[in-house]
Amino acid sequence: MAKITENKLKGVLTKRLKLKSPSFCFEKLPDGKISGSVISDTFQKMRDSDRQRKIWDALEEEYAEECTDHVGTLLAYTQSEWNVDLAKK
């Protein structure tokens, strides 16, 4: 399988989850995996577990089970949740 880049990851998640005005905050970990946050109001009124399931279902549909070799933790936020977290810092 080809290496998953941050740009490919953004494209797959935006397309497969039909994200509205998404933002991404990714970082490359020392083990080579990409981790970070996906921010979109598409996640409104969804429980955290449902958000996670949607993200991983989309990645597995695109990359099969090999996605876990390239992607670490991805957290999902709405824009207002993200802004509240930033205000606390």
C-alpha atoms as a PDB file:
ATOM      1  CA  MET A   1       0.000   0.000   0.000  1.00  0.00           C
ATOM      2  CA  ALA A   2       1.174   3.526  -0.727  1.00  0.00           C
ATOM      3  CA  LYS A   3       2.096   5.682   2.228  1.00  0.00           C
ATOM      4  CA  ILE A   4      -0.753   7.762   3.646  1.00  0.00           C
ATOM      5  CA  THR A   5       0.181  11.445   3.644  1.00  0.00           C
ATOM      6  CA  GLU A   6      -1.548  14.258   5.527  1.00  0.00           C
ATOM      7  CA  ASN A   7      -3.004  15.584   2.260  1.00  0.00           C
ATOM      8  CA  LYS A   8      -4.347  12.154   1.263  1.00  0.00           C
ATOM      9  CA  LEU A   9      -5.829  11.730   4.729  1.00  0.00           C
ATOM     10  CA  LYS A  10      -7.547  15.124   4.523  1.00  0.00           C
ATOM     11  CA  GLY A  11      -8.976  14.283   1.114  1.00  0.00           C
ATOM     12  CA  VAL A  12     -10.278  10.855   2.107  1.00  0.00           C
ATOM     13  CA  LEU A  13     -11.922  12.100   5.296  1.00  0.00           C
ATOM     14  CA  THR A  14     -13.456  15.146   3.599  1.00  0.00           C
ATOM     15  CA  LYS A  15     -14.866  13.082   0.734  1.00  0.00           C
ATOM     16  CA  ARG A  16     -16.021   9.980   2.584  1.00  0.00           C
ATOM     17  CA  LEU A  17     -17.468  11.800   5.618  1.00  0.00           C
ATOM     18  CA  LYS A  18     -18.867  14.646   3.489  1.00  0.00           C
ATOM     19  CA  LEU A  19     -17.278  17.110   5.903  1.00  0.00           C
ATOM     20  CA  LYS A  20     -18.613  20.660   5.852  1.00  0.00           C
ATOM     21  CA  SER A  21     -15.828  23.291   5.940  1.00  0.00           C
ATOM     22  CA  PRO A  22     -13.288  20.972   7.580  1.00  0.00           C
ATOM     23  CA  SER A  23     -10.083  21.985   9.330  1.00  0.00           C
ATOM     24  CA  PHE A  24      -7.320  19.620  10.290  1.00  0.00           C
ATOM     25  CA  CYS A  25      -4.600  19.780  12.884  1.00  0.00           C
ATOM     26  CA  PHE A  26      -2.230  16.873  12.214  1.00  0.00           C
ATOM     27  CA  GLU A  27       1.233  15.992  13.401  1.00  0.00           C
ATOM     28  CA  LYS A  28       3.664  13.317  12.350  1.00  0.00           C
ATOM     29  CA  LEU A  29       4.666  11.122  15.283  1.00  0.00           C
ATOM     30  CA  PRO A  30       8.175   9.668  15.731  1.00  0.00           C
ATOM     31  CA  ASP A  31       6.833   6.254  14.660  1.00  0.00           C
ATOM     32  CA  GLY A  32       5.730   7.785  11.339  1.00  0.00           C
ATOM     33  CA  LYS A  33       2.011   7.737  12.095  1.00  0.00           C
ATOM     34  CA  ILE A  34      -0.225  10.753  11.586  1.00  0.00           C
ATOM     35  CA  SER A  35      -2.295  11.832  14.595  1.00  0.00           C
ATOM     36  CA  GLY A  36      -4.373  14.886  15.360  1.00  0.00           C
ATOM     37  CA  SER A  37      -7.780  16.474  15.115  1.00  0.00           C
ATOM     38  CA  VAL A  38     -10.517  16.722  12.516  1.00  0.00           C
ATOM     39  CA  ILE A  39     -12.711  19.793  12.952  1.00  0.00           C
ATOM     40  CA  SER A  40     -16.075  20.117  11.192  1.00  0.00           C
ATOM     41  CA  ASP A  41     -19.637  21.003  12.099  1.00  0.00           C
ATOM     42  CA  THR A  42     -20.589  17.736  10.388  1.00  0.00           C
ATOM     43  CA  PHE A  43     -19.917  16.159  13.810  1.00  0.00           C
ATOM     44  CA  GLN A  44     -22.652  18.172  15.558  1.00  0.00           C
ATOM     45  CA  LYS A  45     -25.114  16.129  17.609  1.00  0.00           C
ATOM     46  CA  MET A  46     -22.890  13.042  17.364  1.00  0.00           C
ATOM     47  CA  ARG A  47     -21.476  11.199  20.338  1.00  0.00           C
ATOM     48  CA  ASP A  48     -17.702  10.852  20.535  1.00  0.00           C
ATOM     49  CA  SER A  49     -17.915   7.117  19.901  1.00  0.00           C
ATOM     50  CA  ASP A  50     -20.003   7.678  16.747  1.00  0.00           C
ATOM     51  CA  ARG A  51     -17.494  10.245  15.485  1.00  0.00           C
ATOM     52  CA  GLN A  52     -14.624   7.807  15.997  1.00  0.00           C
ATOM     53  CA  ARG A  53     -16.495   4.978  14.330  1.00  0.00           C
ATOM     54  CA  LYS A  54     -17.243   7.134  11.263  1.00  0.00           C
ATOM     55  CA  ILE A  55     -13.608   8.232  10.941  1.00  0.00           C
ATOM     56  CA  TRP A  56     -12.243   4.703  11.185  1.00  0.00           C
ATOM     57  CA  ASP A  57     -14.937   3.220   8.937  1.00  0.00           C
ATOM     58  CA  ALA A  58     -14.006   5.779   6.268  1.00  0.00           C
ATOM     59  CA  LEU A  59     -10.288   5.009   6.591  1.00  0.00           C
ATOM     60  CA  GLU A  60     -10.838   1.250   6.485  1.00  0.00           C
ATOM     61  CA  GLU A  61     -13.050   1.586   3.399  1.00  0.00           C
ATOM     62  CA  GLU A  62     -10.288   3.513   1.634  1.00  0.00           C
ATOM     63  CA  TYR A  63      -7.164   1.779   2.931  1.00  0.00           C
ATOM     64  CA  ALA A  64      -8.372  -1.508   4.433  1.00  0.00           C
ATOM     65  CA  GLU A  65      -6.932  -2.560   7.772  1.00  0.00           C
ATOM     66  CA  GLU A  66      -3.490  -1.240   6.801  1.00  0.00           C
ATOM     67  CA  CYS A  67      -4.620   2.272   7.795  1.00  0.00           C
ATOM     68  CA  THR A  68      -3.694   1.483  11.404  1.00  0.00           C
ATOM     69  CA  ASP A  69      -0.059   1.202  10.268  1.00  0.00           C
ATOM     70  CA  HIS A  70      -0.080   4.855   9.155  1.00  0.00           C
ATOM     71  CA  VAL A  71      -2.706   6.620  11.279  1.00  0.00           C
ATOM     72  CA  GLY A  72      -2.640   7.086  15.041  1.00  0.00           C
ATOM     73  CA  THR A  73      -5.255   8.836  17.165  1.00  0.00           C
ATOM     74  CA  LEU A  74      -7.681  11.131  15.360  1.00  0.00           C
ATOM     75  CA  LEU A  75     -10.100  13.160  17.463  1.00  0.00           C
ATOM     76  CA  ALA A  76     -13.212  14.810  16.022  1.00  0.00           C
ATOM     77  CA  TYR A  77     -14.522  18.210  17.079  1.00  0.00           C
ATOM     78  CA  THR A  78     -17.140  20.674  15.949  1.00  0.00           C
ATOM     79  CA  GLN A  79     -15.870  24.187  15.270  1.00  0.00           C
ATOM     80  CA  SER A  80     -17.362  25.517  18.514  1.00  0.00           C
ATOM     81  CA  GLU A  81     -15.819  22.666  20.557  1.00  0.00           C
ATOM     82  CA  TRP A  82     -12.442  23.354  18.962  1.00  0.00           C
ATOM     83  CA  ASN A  83     -12.685  27.087  19.695  1.00  0.00           C
ATOM     84  CA  VAL A  84     -13.585  26.411  23.360  1.00  0.00           C
ATOM     85  CA  ASP A  85     -10.553  24.115  23.729  1.00  0.00           C
ATOM     86  CA  LEU A  86      -8.276  26.776  22.213  1.00  0.00           C
ATOM     87  CA  ALA A  87      -9.672  29.465  24.515  1.00  0.00           C
ATOM     88  CA  LYS A  88      -8.735  27.352  27.559  1.00  0.00           C
ATOM     89  CA  LYS A  89      -5.054  27.241  26.561  1.00  0.00           C
END
